Amino acid sequence: MGILQEIKQLSHIDKLRVMEALWKDLSSDEEKYVSPAWHEAALEETEKRMSNGIEEVVDWSTAKKNLRKQFE
């Protein structure tokens, strides 16, 4: 059985635990990974929008609602 099939059989909470374990492992040695150039450009653009008052900080709950509306 492939890993994706095994993951599909996990409960929701176990999937989250696996995801957290993977993230912890991947982020433990961040020097190994180089962000793509577009990522820095996107962060700079967001920072510029924040400085100009175009972008605002919202809590995660509001952000999820806004994203769901955007993609409905």
N, C-alpha and C. Protein backbone atom coordinates (compact mmCIF):
# COMPACT_ATOMS: atom_id res chain seq x y z
N MET A 1 0.85 -1.17 0.00
CA MET A 1 0.00 0.00 0.00
C MET A 1 0.90 1.24 0.00
N GLY A 2 0.55 2.24 -0.82
CA GLY A 2 1.33 3.46 -0.90
C GLY A 2 1.07 4.37 0.29
N ILE A 3 1.96 5.30 0.48
CA ILE A 3 1.85 6.19 1.63
C ILE A 3 0.57 7.03 1.58
N LEU A 4 0.15 7.45 0.39
CA LEU A 4 -1.08 8.24 0.29
C LEU A 4 -2.29 7.43 0.72
N GLN A 5 -2.32 6.17 0.36
CA GLN A 5 -3.43 5.31 0.80
C GLN A 5 -3.42 5.13 2.31
N GLU A 6 -2.23 5.00 2.88
CA GLU A 6 -2.12 4.88 4.33
C GLU A 6 -2.61 6.14 5.02
N ILE A 7 -2.24 7.30 4.46
CA ILE A 7 -2.68 8.57 5.04
C ILE A 7 -4.19 8.70 4.97
N LYS A 8 -4.78 8.30 3.86
CA LYS A 8 -6.24 8.39 3.70
C LYS A 8 -6.97 7.58 4.76
N GLN A 9 -6.34 6.55 5.27
CA GLN A 9 -6.99 5.71 6.28
C GLN A 9 -6.87 6.27 7.70
N LEU A 10 -6.04 7.28 7.88
CA LEU A 10 -5.86 7.86 9.20
C LEU A 10 -7.07 8.71 9.60
N SER A 11 -7.27 8.83 10.89
CA SER A 11 -8.32 9.73 11.38
C SER A 11 -7.84 11.18 11.16
N HIS A 12 -8.77 12.10 11.26
CA HIS A 12 -8.44 13.51 11.09
C HIS A 12 -7.35 13.95 12.06
N ILE A 13 -7.49 13.58 13.32
CA ILE A 13 -6.50 13.98 14.33
C ILE A 13 -5.14 13.35 14.06
N ASP A 14 -5.12 12.11 13.59
CA ASP A 14 -3.84 11.47 13.27
C ASP A 14 -3.19 12.13 12.05
N LYS A 15 -4.00 12.56 11.09
CA LYS A 15 -3.44 13.28 9.93
C LYS A 15 -2.78 14.57 10.39
N LEU A 16 -3.44 15.27 11.32
CA LEU A 16 -2.86 16.50 11.84
C LEU A 16 -1.56 16.22 12.60
N ARG A 17 -1.53 15.14 13.34
CA ARG A 17 -0.31 14.77 14.07
C ARG A 17 0.83 14.46 13.11
N VAL A 18 0.53 13.75 12.04
CA VAL A 18 1.55 13.45 11.03
C VAL A 18 2.05 14.74 10.39
N MET A 19 1.11 15.63 10.05
CA MET A 19 1.48 16.89 9.44
C MET A 19 2.38 17.70 10.38
N GLU A 20 2.03 17.76 11.65
CA GLU A 20 2.84 18.50 12.62
C GLU A 20 4.23 17.88 12.75
N ALA A 21 4.29 16.55 12.76
CA ALA A 21 5.59 15.88 12.87
C ALA A 21 6.45 16.16 11.64
N LEU A 22 5.84 16.14 10.46
CA LEU A 22 6.57 16.45 9.23
C LEU A 22 7.07 17.89 9.25
N TRP A 23 6.20 18.82 9.66
CA TRP A 23 6.59 20.22 9.71
C TRP A 23 7.74 20.43 10.69
N LYS A 24 7.65 19.79 11.85
CA LYS A 24 8.71 19.91 12.86
C LYS A 24 10.03 19.41 12.29
N ASP A 25 9.98 18.29 11.59
CA ASP A 25 11.19 17.72 11.01
C ASP A 25 11.75 18.62 9.91
N LEU A 26 10.87 19.10 9.03
CA LEU A 26 11.32 19.94 7.92
C LEU A 26 11.86 21.29 8.41
N SER A 27 11.25 21.85 9.43
CA SER A 27 11.66 23.17 9.89
C SER A 27 12.80 23.14 10.89
N SER A 28 13.22 21.96 11.31
CA SER A 28 14.29 21.87 12.31
C SER A 28 15.64 22.27 11.74
N ASP A 29 15.79 22.17 10.44
CA ASP A 29 17.07 22.51 9.81
C ASP A 29 16.82 23.43 8.63
N GLU A 30 16.29 24.62 8.93
CA GLU A 30 15.85 25.51 7.87
C GLU A 30 16.98 26.03 6.99
N GLU A 31 18.22 25.94 7.44
CA GLU A 31 19.34 26.40 6.61
C GLU A 31 19.49 25.55 5.35
N LYS A 32 18.97 24.34 5.38
CA LYS A 32 19.04 23.44 4.22
C LYS A 32 18.18 23.93 3.07
N TYR A 33 17.13 24.67 3.39
CA TYR A 33 16.13 25.03 2.41
C TYR A 33 16.23 26.51 2.04
N VAL A 34 16.21 26.76 0.77
CA VAL A 34 16.27 28.12 0.27
C VAL A 34 14.89 28.48 -0.29
N SER A 35 14.36 29.59 0.20
CA SER A 35 13.07 30.04 -0.33
C SER A 35 13.26 30.50 -1.77
N PRO A 36 12.25 30.28 -2.60
CA PRO A 36 12.36 30.74 -3.99
C PRO A 36 12.35 32.27 -4.05
N ALA A 37 12.92 32.82 -5.11
CA ALA A 37 13.03 34.27 -5.25
C ALA A 37 11.66 34.95 -5.19
N TRP A 38 10.64 34.31 -5.77
CA TRP A 38 9.31 34.92 -5.79
C TRP A 38 8.78 35.12 -4.38
N HIS A 39 9.21 34.28 -3.43
CA HIS A 39 8.71 34.38 -2.07
C HIS A 39 9.15 35.69 -1.43
N GLU A 40 10.42 36.04 -1.60
CA GLU A 40 10.91 37.31 -1.05
C GLU A 40 10.18 38.48 -1.71
N ALA A 41 9.97 38.40 -3.02
CA ALA A 41 9.26 39.47 -3.72
C ALA A 41 7.83 39.60 -3.21
N ALA A 42 7.16 38.48 -2.96
CA ALA A 42 5.79 38.51 -2.45
C ALA A 42 5.74 39.11 -1.05
N LEU A 43 6.71 38.77 -0.21
CA LEU A 43 6.76 39.34 1.13
C LEU A 43 7.02 40.85 1.08
N GLU A 44 7.91 41.27 0.19
CA GLU A 44 8.18 42.70 0.05
C GLU A 44 6.94 43.45 -0.43
N GLU A 45 6.21 42.86 -1.37
CA GLU A 45 4.99 43.49 -1.88
C GLU A 45 3.94 43.61 -0.76
N THR A 46 3.80 42.57 0.04
CA THR A 46 2.85 42.61 1.16
C THR A 46 3.27 43.69 2.17
N GLU A 47 4.55 43.74 2.45
CA GLU A 47 5.06 44.75 3.38
C GLU A 47 4.78 46.16 2.86
N LYS A 48 4.95 46.35 1.56
CA LYS A 48 4.67 47.65 0.95
C LYS A 48 3.19 48.00 1.08
N ARG A 49 2.30 47.01 0.82
CA ARG A 49 0.86 47.25 0.95
C ARG A 49 0.48 47.57 2.39
N MET A 50 1.15 46.92 3.33
CA MET A 50 0.90 47.20 4.76
C MET A 50 1.31 48.63 5.08
N SER A 51 2.46 49.05 4.61
CA SER A 51 2.97 50.40 4.87
C SER A 51 2.05 51.46 4.28
N ASN A 52 1.46 51.16 3.12
CA ASN A 52 0.59 52.11 2.44
C ASN A 52 -0.87 52.04 2.90
N GLY A 53 -1.15 51.17 3.87
CA GLY A 53 -2.50 51.07 4.41
C GLY A 53 -3.46 50.31 3.51
N ILE A 54 -2.94 49.64 2.48
CA ILE A 54 -3.78 48.87 1.56
C ILE A 54 -4.12 47.51 2.15
N GLU A 55 -3.18 46.96 2.88
CA GLU A 55 -3.31 45.63 3.48
C GLU A 55 -3.46 45.81 4.99
N GLU A 56 -4.25 44.94 5.61
CA GLU A 56 -4.39 45.00 7.06
C GLU A 56 -4.27 43.62 7.66
N VAL A 57 -3.86 43.59 8.89
CA VAL A 57 -3.72 42.32 9.62
C VAL A 57 -5.10 41.91 10.11
N VAL A 58 -5.44 40.64 9.89
CA VAL A 58 -6.70 40.09 10.41
C VAL A 58 -6.39 38.79 11.14
N ASP A 59 -7.26 38.43 12.06
CA ASP A 59 -7.04 37.18 12.79
C ASP A 59 -7.29 36.00 11.85
N TRP A 60 -6.80 34.85 12.23
CA TRP A 60 -6.86 33.66 11.38
C TRP A 60 -8.29 33.27 11.03
N SER A 61 -9.20 33.39 11.98
CA SER A 61 -10.59 33.03 11.74
C SER A 61 -11.19 33.90 10.63
N THR A 62 -10.94 35.19 10.70
CA THR A 62 -11.44 36.11 9.67
C THR A 62 -10.77 35.83 8.33
N ALA A 63 -9.48 35.56 8.35
CA ALA A 63 -8.76 35.26 7.11
C ALA A 63 -9.35 34.03 6.42
N LYS A 64 -9.66 32.99 7.19
CA LYS A 64 -10.25 31.78 6.61
C LYS A 64 -11.61 32.08 5.98
N LYS A 65 -12.43 32.87 6.68
CA LYS A 65 -13.74 33.23 6.14
C LYS A 65 -13.59 34.00 4.83
N ASN A 66 -12.67 34.96 4.81
CA ASN A 66 -12.44 35.75 3.61
C ASN A 66 -11.96 34.89 2.44
N LEU A 67 -11.06 33.97 2.72
CA LEU A 67 -10.56 33.09 1.66
C LEU A 67 -11.66 32.17 1.14
N ARG A 68 -12.48 31.65 2.03
CA ARG A 68 -13.58 30.78 1.59
C ARG A 68 -14.54 31.55 0.69
N LYS A 69 -14.88 32.79 1.07
CA LYS A 69 -15.76 33.61 0.24
C LYS A 69 -15.14 33.85 -1.13
N GLN A 70 -13.85 34.11 -1.13
CA GLN A 70 -13.14 34.41 -2.38
C GLN A 70 -13.17 33.24 -3.35
N PHE A 71 -13.15 32.02 -2.85
CA PHE A 71 -13.05 30.84 -3.71
C PHE A 71 -14.35 30.06 -3.83
N GLU A 72 -15.47 30.63 -3.39
CA GLU A 72 -16.75 29.94 -3.53
C GLU A 72 -17.27 30.06 -4.93
